[in-house]
PDB file of N, CA and C in Angstrom:
ATOM      1  N   MET A   1       0.870  -1.172   0.000  1.00  0.00           N
ATOM      2  CA  MET A   1      -0.066  -0.030   0.005  1.00  0.00           C
ATOM      3  C   MET A   1       0.794   1.246   0.055  1.00  0.00           C
ATOM      4  N   ALA A   2       0.492   2.251  -0.816  1.00  0.00           N
ATOM      5  CA  ALA A   2       1.343   3.382  -0.948  1.00  0.00           C
ATOM      6  C   ALA A   2       1.203   4.353   0.158  1.00  0.00           C
ATOM      7  N   LYS A   3       2.087   4.976   0.675  1.00  0.00           N
ATOM      8  CA  LYS A   3       1.983   5.991   1.756  1.00  0.00           C
ATOM      9  C   LYS A   3       1.710   7.354   1.145  1.00  0.00           C
ATOM     10  N   ALA A   4       0.849   8.104   1.803  1.00  0.00           N
ATOM     11  CA  ALA A   4       0.592   9.437   1.288  1.00  0.00           C
ATOM     12  C   ALA A   4       1.834  10.330   1.643  1.00  0.00           C
ATOM     13  N   GLU A   5       2.291  11.094   0.589  1.00  0.00           N
ATOM     14  CA  GLU A   5       3.551  11.955   0.780  1.00  0.00           C
ATOM     15  C   GLU A   5       2.994  13.280   1.581  1.00  0.00           C
ATOM     16  N   THR A   6       3.748  13.754   2.480  1.00  0.00           N
ATOM     17  CA  THR A   6       3.453  14.928   3.305  1.00  0.00           C
ATOM     18  C   THR A   6       4.156  15.978   2.470  1.00  0.00           C
ATOM     19  N   ASP A   7       3.477  17.111   2.277  1.00  0.00           N
ATOM     20  CA  ASP A   7       3.969  18.339   1.783  1.00  0.00           C
ATOM     21  C   ASP A   7       4.497  19.171   2.928  1.00  0.00           C
ATOM     22  N   TRP A   8       5.807  18.934   3.149  1.00  0.00           N
ATOM     23  CA  TRP A   8       6.519  19.486   4.408  1.00  0.00           C
ATOM     24  C   TRP A   8       6.598  20.948   4.213  1.00  0.00           C
ATOM     25  N   LEU A   9       6.660  21.572   2.985  1.00  0.00           N
ATOM     26  CA  LEU A   9       6.738  23.033   2.905  1.00  0.00           C
ATOM     27  C   LEU A   9       5.370  23.816   3.397  1.00  0.00           C
ATOM     28  N   ALA A  10       4.384  22.996   3.131  1.00  0.00           N
ATOM     29  CA  ALA A  10       2.883  23.614   3.538  1.00  0.00           C
ATOM     30  C   ALA A  10       2.974  23.530   5.027  1.00  0.00           C
ATOM     31  N   VAL A  11       3.417  22.306   5.595  1.00  0.00           N
ATOM     32  CA  VAL A  11       3.303  22.269   7.073  1.00  0.00           C
ATOM     33  C   VAL A  11       4.109  23.376   7.729  1.00  0.00           C
ATOM     34  N   ILE A  12       5.372  23.640   7.221  1.00  0.00           N
ATOM     35  CA  ILE A  12       6.283  24.579   7.709  1.00  0.00           C
ATOM     36  C   ILE A  12       5.693  25.965   7.528  1.00  0.00           C
ATOM     37  N   GLY A  13       5.081  26.218   6.411  1.00  0.00           N
ATOM     38  CA  GLY A  13       4.409  27.538   6.177  1.00  0.00           C
ATOM     39  C   GLY A  13       3.250  27.720   7.041  1.00  0.00           C
ATOM     40  N   ARG A  14       2.459  26.877   7.336  1.00  0.00           N
ATOM     41  CA  ARG A  14       1.198  27.010   8.207  1.00  0.00           C
ATOM     42  C   ARG A  14       1.787  27.108   9.694  1.00  0.00           C
ATOM     43  N   THR A  15       2.728  26.400  10.012  1.00  0.00           N
ATOM     44  CA  THR A  15       3.409  26.528  11.375  1.00  0.00           C
ATOM     45  C   THR A  15       4.005  27.984  11.659  1.00  0.00           C
ATOM     46  N   LEU A  16       4.701  28.374  10.633  1.00  0.00           N
ATOM     47  CA  LEU A  16       5.232  29.810  10.719  1.00  0.00           C
ATOM     48  C   LEU A  16       4.053  30.846  10.846  1.00  0.00           C
ATOM     49  N   SER A  17       3.150  30.671   9.965  1.00  0.00           N
ATOM     50  CA  SER A  17       1.910  31.583   9.988  1.00  0.00           C
ATOM     51  C   SER A  17       1.245  31.625  11.331  1.00  0.00           C
ATOM     52  N   TYR A  18       1.101  30.449  11.907  1.00  0.00           N
ATOM     53  CA  TYR A  18       0.476  30.351  13.315  1.00  0.00           C
ATOM     54  C   TYR A  18       1.402  31.077  14.290  1.00  0.00           C
ATOM     55  N   LEU A  19       2.701  30.901  14.253  1.00  0.00           N
ATOM     56  CA  LEU A  19       3.620  31.558  15.154  1.00  0.00           C
ATOM     57  C   LEU A  19       3.525  33.181  14.961  1.00  0.00           C
ATOM     58  N   CYS A  20       3.475  33.590  13.701  1.00  0.00           N
ATOM     59  CA  CYS A  20       3.312  34.985  13.510  1.00  0.00           C
ATOM     60  C   CYS A  20       2.020  35.569  13.931  1.00  0.00           C
ATOM     61  N   LEU A  21       0.943  34.808  13.858  1.00  0.00           N
ATOM     62  CA  LEU A  21      -0.234  35.319  14.390  1.00  0.00           C
ATOM     63  C   LEU A  21      -0.334  35.324  15.879  1.00  0.00           C
ATOM     64  N   GLU A  22       0.229  34.373  16.629  1.00  0.00           N
ATOM     65  CA  GLU A  22       0.418  34.367  17.981  1.00  0.00           C
ATOM     66  C   GLU A  22       1.268  35.617  18.430  1.00  0.00           C
ATOM     67  N   HIS A  23       2.336  35.847  17.809  1.00  0.00           N
ATOM     68  CA  HIS A  23       3.219  37.032  18.111  1.00  0.00           C
ATOM     69  C   HIS A  23       2.473  38.372  17.891  1.00  0.00           C
ATOM     70  N   ALA A  24       1.720  38.377  16.861  1.00  0.00           N
ATOM     71  CA  ALA A  24       1.034  39.678  16.477  1.00  0.00           C
ATOM     72  C   ALA A  24      -0.079  39.909  17.510  1.00  0.00           C
ATOM     73  N   LYS A  25      -0.801  38.742  17.974  1.00  0.00           N
ATOM     74  CA  LYS A  25      -1.798  38.973  19.079  1.00  0.00           C
ATOM     75  C   LYS A  25      -1.294  39.408  20.367  1.00  0.00           C
ATOM     76  N   LYS A  26       0.129  39.079  20.647  1.00  0.00           N
ATOM     77  CA  LYS A  26       0.531  39.440  21.874  1.00  0.00           C
ATOM     78  C   LYS A  26       0.967  40.999  21.737  1.00  0.00           C
ATOM     79  N   GLU A  27       1.519  41.340  20.513  1.00  0.00           N
ATOM     80  CA  GLU A  27       1.866  42.773  20.302  1.00  0.00           C
ATOM     81  C   GLU A  27       0.745  43.737  20.298  1.00  0.00           C
ATOM     82  N   THR A  28      -0.295  43.432  19.603  1.00  0.00           N
ATOM     83  CA  THR A  28      -1.522  44.197  19.426  1.00  0.00           C
ATOM     84  C   THR A  28      -2.702  43.364  19.507  1.00  0.00           C
ATOM     85  N   PRO A  29      -3.187  43.020  20.738  1.00  0.00           N
ATOM     86  CA  PRO A  29      -4.299  42.176  20.978  1.00  0.00           C
ATOM     87  C   PRO A  29      -5.668  42.729  20.359  1.00  0.00           C
ATOM     88  N   ASP A  30      -5.744  43.971  20.316  1.00  0.00           N
ATOM     89  CA  ASP A  30      -7.016  44.630  19.804  1.00  0.00           C
ATOM     90  C   ASP A  30      -7.262  44.515  18.348  1.00  0.00           C
ATOM     91  N   LYS A  31      -6.147  44.304  17.620  1.00  0.00           N
ATOM     92  CA  LYS A  31      -6.296  44.126  16.169  1.00  0.00           C
ATOM     93  C   LYS A  31      -6.677  42.648  15.714  1.00  0.00           C
ATOM     94  N   PHE A  32      -6.572  41.761  16.750  1.00  0.00           N
ATOM     95  CA  PHE A  32      -6.907  40.308  16.440  1.00  0.00           C
ATOM     96  C   PHE A  32      -7.961  39.780  17.421  1.00  0.00           C
ATOM     97  N   ASN A  33      -9.050  40.517  17.676  1.00  0.00           N
ATOM     98  CA  ASN A  33     -10.016  40.173  18.721  1.00  0.00           C
ATOM     99  C   ASN A  33     -11.121  39.297  18.171  1.00  0.00           C
ATOM    100  N   THR A  34     -11.139  39.198  16.717  1.00  0.00           N
ATOM    101  CA  THR A  34     -12.236  38.306  16.204  1.00  0.00           C
ATOM    102  C   THR A  34     -11.576  37.226  15.230  1.00  0.00           C
ATOM    103  N   VAL A  35     -12.365  36.241  14.959  1.00  0.00           N
ATOM    104  CA  VAL A  35     -11.897  35.155  14.065  1.00  0.00           C
ATOM    105  C   VAL A  35     -11.618  35.846  12.575  1.00  0.00           C
ATOM    106  N   GLN A  36     -12.474  36.619  12.226  1.00  0.00           N
ATOM    107  CA  GLN A  36     -12.402  37.129  10.833  1.00  0.00           C
ATOM    108  C   GLN A  36     -11.171  38.018  10.634  1.00  0.00           C
ATOM    109  N   LYS A  37     -10.770  38.809  11.698  1.00  0.00           N
ATOM    110  CA  LYS A  37      -9.508  39.580  11.706  1.00  0.00           C
ATOM    111  C   LYS A  37      -8.308  38.675  11.663  1.00  0.00           C
ATOM    112  N   LYS A  38      -8.340  37.578  12.378  1.00  0.00           N
ATOM    113  CA  LYS A  38      -7.230  36.579  12.262  1.00  0.00           C
ATOM    114  C   LYS A  38      -7.135  35.963  10.985  1.00  0.00           C
ATOM    115  N   VAL A  39      -8.336  35.558  10.355  1.00  0.00           N
ATOM    116  CA  VAL A  39      -8.251  34.959   9.052  1.00  0.00           C
ATOM    117  C   VAL A  39      -7.745  35.958   7.834  1.00  0.00           C
ATOM    118  N   ASP A  40      -8.204  37.171   7.994  1.00  0.00           N
ATOM    119  CA  ASP A  40      -7.862  38.200   7.105  1.00  0.00           C
ATOM    120  C   ASP A  40      -6.237  38.425   7.194  1.00  0.00           C
ATOM    121  N   PHE A  41      -5.706  38.335   8.358  1.00  0.00           N
ATOM    122  CA  PHE A  41      -4.291  38.495   8.461  1.00  0.00           C
ATOM    123  C   PHE A  41      -3.479  37.299   7.978  1.00  0.00           C
ATOM    124  N   LEU A  42      -3.957  36.176   8.128  1.00  0.00           N
ATOM    125  CA  LEU A  42      -3.371  34.975   7.468  1.00  0.00           C
ATOM    126  C   LEU A  42      -3.544  34.906   6.042  1.00  0.00           C
ATOM    127  N   ILE A  43      -4.497  35.311   5.582  1.00  0.00           N
ATOM    128  CA  ILE A  43      -4.810  35.294   4.067  1.00  0.00           C
ATOM    129  C   ILE A  43      -3.976  36.395   3.481  1.00  0.00           C
ATOM    130  N   ASP A  44      -3.735  37.470   4.124  1.00  0.00           N
ATOM    131  CA  ASP A  44      -2.741  38.470   3.620  1.00  0.00           C
ATOM    132  C   ASP A  44      -1.344  38.011   3.753  1.00  0.00           C
ATOM    133  N   MET A  45      -0.992  37.074   4.479  1.00  0.00           N
ATOM    134  CA  MET A  45       0.351  36.504   4.614  1.00  0.00           C
ATOM    135  C   MET A  45       0.477  35.467   3.471  1.00  0.00           C
ATOM    136  N   GLY A  46      -0.585  35.063   2.936  1.00  0.00           N
ATOM    137  CA  GLY A  46      -0.376  34.057   1.706  1.00  0.00           C
ATOM    138  C   GLY A  46      -0.988  32.771   1.978  1.00  0.00           C
ATOM    139  N   LEU A  47      -1.619  32.576   2.991  1.00  0.00           N
ATOM    140  CA  LEU A  47      -2.308  31.287   3.198  1.00  0.00           C
ATOM    141  C   LEU A  47      -3.557  31.152   2.458  1.00  0.00           C
ATOM    142  N   PRO A  48      -3.958  29.998   1.888  1.00  0.00           N
ATOM    143  CA  PRO A  48      -5.249  29.834   1.291  1.00  0.00           C
ATOM    144  C   PRO A  48      -6.402  30.006   2.328  1.00  0.00           C
ATOM    145  N   ALA A  49      -7.613  30.383   1.921  1.00  0.00           N
ATOM    146  CA  ALA A  49      -8.578  30.636   2.861  1.00  0.00           C
ATOM    147  C   ALA A  49      -8.885  29.548   3.751  1.00  0.00           C
ATOM    148  N   ASP A  50      -8.899  28.395   3.232  1.00  0.00           N
ATOM    149  CA  ASP A  50      -9.303  27.158   3.946  1.00  0.00           C
ATOM    150  C   ASP A  50      -8.208  26.860   5.142  1.00  0.00           C
ATOM    151  N   ALA A  51      -6.951  27.006   4.748  1.00  0.00           N
ATOM    152  CA  ALA A  51      -5.819  26.819   5.830  1.00  0.00           C
ATOM    153  C   ALA A  51      -5.926  27.888   6.798  1.00  0.00           C
ATOM    154  N   ALA A  52      -6.127  29.161   6.282  1.00  0.00           N
ATOM    155  CA  ALA A  52      -6.297  30.266   7.369  1.00  0.00           C
ATOM    156  C   ALA A  52      -7.342  30.068   8.241  1.00  0.00           C
ATOM    157  N   ALA A  53      -8.465  29.471   7.882  1.00  0.00           N
ATOM    158  CA  ALA A  53      -9.486  29.319   8.799  1.00  0.00           C
ATOM    159  C   ALA A  53      -9.131  28.241   9.933  1.00  0.00           C
ATOM    160  N   TYR A  54      -8.405  27.235   9.516  1.00  0.00           N
ATOM    161  CA  TYR A  54      -7.978  26.136  10.454  1.00  0.00           C
ATOM    162  C   TYR A  54      -6.893  26.639  11.321  1.00  0.00           C
ATOM    163  N   VAL A  55      -5.996  27.435  10.773  1.00  0.00           N
ATOM    164  CA  VAL A  55      -4.957  27.946  11.595  1.00  0.00           C
ATOM    165  C   VAL A  55      -5.516  29.038  12.661  1.00  0.00           C
ATOM    166  N   ALA A  56      -6.562  29.688  12.323  1.00  0.00           N
ATOM    167  CA  ALA A  56      -7.176  30.707  13.239  1.00  0.00           C
ATOM    168  C   ALA A  56      -8.164  29.957  14.294  1.00  0.00           C
ATOM    169  N   GLY A  57      -8.263  28.658  14.043  1.00  0.00           N
ATOM    170  CA  GLY A  57      -9.064  27.913  15.159  1.00  0.00           C
ATOM    171  C   GLY A  57     -10.540  27.735  14.685  1.00  0.00           C
ATOM    172  N   SER A  58     -10.872  27.909  13.420  1.00  0.00           N
ATOM    173  CA  SER A  58     -12.185  27.806  12.997  1.00  0.00           C
ATOM    174  C   SER A  58     -12.344  26.890  11.739  1.00  0.00           C
ATOM    175  N   SER A  59     -13.591  26.846  11.150  1.00  0.00           N
ATOM    176  CA  SER A  59     -13.628  25.958   9.977  1.00  0.00           C
ATOM    177  C   SER A  59     -13.915  26.957   8.703  1.00  0.00           C
ATOM    178  N   PRO A  60     -13.575  26.455   7.583  1.00  0.00           N
ATOM    179  CA  PRO A  60     -13.913  27.269   6.333  1.00  0.00           C
ATOM    180  C   PRO A  60     -15.360  27.738   6.255  1.00  0.00           C
ATOM    181  N   ALA A  61     -16.249  26.796   6.587  1.00  0.00           N
ATOM    182  CA  ALA A  61     -17.733  27.034   6.466  1.00  0.00           C
ATOM    183  C   ALA A  61     -18.116  28.295   7.408  1.00  0.00           C
ATOM    184  N   SER A  62     -17.480  28.251   8.650  1.00  0.00           N
ATOM    185  CA  SER A  62     -17.757  29.178   9.573  1.00  0.00           C
ATOM    186  C   SER A  62     -17.308  30.478   9.179  1.00  0.00           C
ATOM    187  N   VAL A  63     -16.013  30.561   8.677  1.00  0.00           N
ATOM    188  CA  VAL A  63     -15.445  31.864   8.218  1.00  0.00           C
ATOM    189  C   VAL A  63     -16.221  32.299   7.005  1.00  0.00           C
ATOM    190  N   ALA A  64     -16.703  31.532   6.121  1.00  0.00           N
ATOM    191  CA  ALA A  64     -17.559  31.954   5.076  1.00  0.00           C
ATOM    192  C   ALA A  64     -18.885  32.627   5.404  1.00  0.00           C
ATOM    193  N   VAL A  65     -19.479  32.172   6.627  1.00  0.00           N
ATOM    194  CA  VAL A  65     -20.600  32.662   7.067  1.00  0.00           C
ATOM    195  C   VAL A  65     -20.400  34.016   7.783  1.00  0.00           C
ATOM    196  N   LEU A  66     -19.167  34.135   8.575  1.00  0.00           N
ATOM    197  CA  LEU A  66     -18.768  35.459   9.131  1.00  0.00           C
ATOM    198  C   LEU A  66     -18.532  36.552   8.031  1.00  0.00           C
ATOM    199  N   ALA A  67     -17.916  36.027   6.987  1.00  0.00           N
ATOM    200  CA  ALA A  67     -17.581  36.990   5.878  1.00  0.00           C
ATOM    201  C   ALA A  67     -18.969  37.617   5.314  1.00  0.00           C
ATOM    202  N   SER A  68     -19.917  36.586   4.970  1.00  0.00           N
ATOM    203  CA  SER A  68     -21.062  37.018   4.371  1.00  0.00           C
ATOM    204  C   SER A  68     -21.860  38.027   5.228  1.00  0.00           C
ATOM    205  N   ARG A  69     -21.880  37.737   6.568  1.00  0.00           N
ATOM    206  CA  ARG A  69     -22.457  38.620   7.488  1.00  0.00           C
ATOM    207  C   ARG A  69     -21.862  39.982   7.531  1.00  0.00           C
ATOM    208  N   ALA A  70     -20.466  39.997   7.448  1.00  0.00           N
ATOM    209  CA  ALA A  70     -19.902  41.185   7.460  1.00  0.00           C
ATOM    210  C   ALA A  70     -20.224  42.016   6.170  1.00  0.00           C
ATOM    211  N   LYS A  71     -20.405  41.418   5.105  1.00  0.00           N
ATOM    212  CA  LYS A  71     -20.678  42.097   3.738  1.00  0.00           C
ATOM    213  C   LYS A  71     -22.080  42.629   3.857  1.00  0.00           C
ATOM    214  N   LYS A  72     -23.050  42.008   4.583  1.00  0.00           N
ATOM    215  CA  LYS A  72     -24.433  42.527   4.838  1.00  0.00           C
ATOM    216  C   LYS A  72     -24.416  43.669   5.801  1.00  0.00           C
ATOM    217  N   GLY A  73     -23.370  44.008   6.486  1.00  0.00           N
ATOM    218  CA  GLY A  73     -23.572  45.111   7.391  1.00  0.00           C
ATOM    219  C   GLY A  73     -23.575  44.600   8.808  1.00  0.00           C
ATOM    220  N   GLY A  74     -23.369  43.435   9.050  1.00  0.00           N
ATOM    221  CA  GLY A  74     -23.324  42.934  10.359  1.00  0.00           C
ATOM    222  C   GLY A  74     -24.732  42.819  11.063  1.00  0.00           C
ATOM    223  N   LYS A  75     -25.735  42.773  10.281  1.00  0.00           N
ATOM    224  CA  LYS A  75     -27.102  42.550  10.819  1.00  0.00           C
ATOM    225  C   LYS A  75     -27.435  41.195  11.360  1.00  0.00           C
ATOM    226  N   ASN A  76     -26.590  40.269  11.067  1.00  0.00           N
ATOM    227  CA  ASN A  76     -26.878  38.814  11.402  1.00  0.00           C
ATOM    228  C   ASN A  76     -28.051  38.229  10.917  1.00  0.00           C
ATOM    229  N   GLY A  77     -28.547  38.618   9.670  1.00  0.00           N
ATOM    230  CA  GLY A  77     -29.551  38.068   8.896  1.00  0.00           C
ATOM    231  C   GLY A  77     -31.043  38.570   9.349  1.00  0.00           C
ATOM    232  N   LYS A  78     -30.979  39.664  10.295  1.00  0.00           N
ATOM    233  CA  LYS A  78     -32.165  40.052  10.900  1.00  0.00           C
ATOM    234  C   LYS A  78     -32.740  41.158   9.986  1.00  0.00           C
ATOM    235  N   LYS A  79     -33.982  41.445   9.804  1.00  0.00           N
ATOM    236  CA  LYS A  79     -34.438  42.547   9.097  1.00  0.00           C
ATOM    237  C   LYS A  79     -34.511  43.783  10.003  1.00  0.00           C
ATOM    238  N   ALA A  80     -34.372  44.989   9.300  1.00  0.00           N
ATOM    239  CA  ALA A  80     -34.342  46.270   9.941  1.00  0.00           C
ATOM    240  C   ALA A  80     -35.721  46.575  10.546  1.00  0.00           C
ATOM    241  N   LYS A  81     -35.863  47.216  11.613  1.00  0.00           N
ATOM    242  CA  LYS A  81     -37.109  47.594  12.134  1.00  0.00           C
ATOM    243  C   LYS A  81     -37.802  48.634  11.436  1.00  0.00           C
ATOM    244  N   ARG A  82     -38.968  48.772  11.210  1.00  0.00           N
ATOM    245  CA  ARG A  82     -39.609  49.838  10.365  1.00  0.00           C
ATOM    246  C   ARG A  82     -40.108  50.888  11.436  1.00  0.00           C
ATOM    247  N   SER A  83     -39.882  51.991  10.935  1.00  0.00           N
ATOM    248  CA  SER A  83     -40.406  53.115  11.670  1.00  0.00           C
ATOM    249  C   SER A  83     -41.877  53.442  11.488  1.00  0.00           C
ATOM    250  N   LYS A  84     -42.604  53.751  12.556  1.00  0.00           N
ATOM    251  CA  LYS A  84     -44.064  54.114  12.451  1.00  0.00           C
ATOM    252  C   LYS A  84     -44.353  55.493  12.036  1.00  0.00           C
TER     253      LYS A  84
END
């Protein structure tokens, strides 16, 4: 049976990204107080969105929901109240 090859460069890259994120959180914790901010930072570092979600401690589906809510204006899917 053939063993799956491990892409060690990807493992090293994700590990370094995690270490950079942890260091950045210590330096400026207010910039990384949400999962979406962490994922955006990791994507800006060059990680694919799926990998960035896992490194930030979430799942790609959860991050996609957070991103869509942010695009809607953060209303969490609720309708706006009508004025009388």
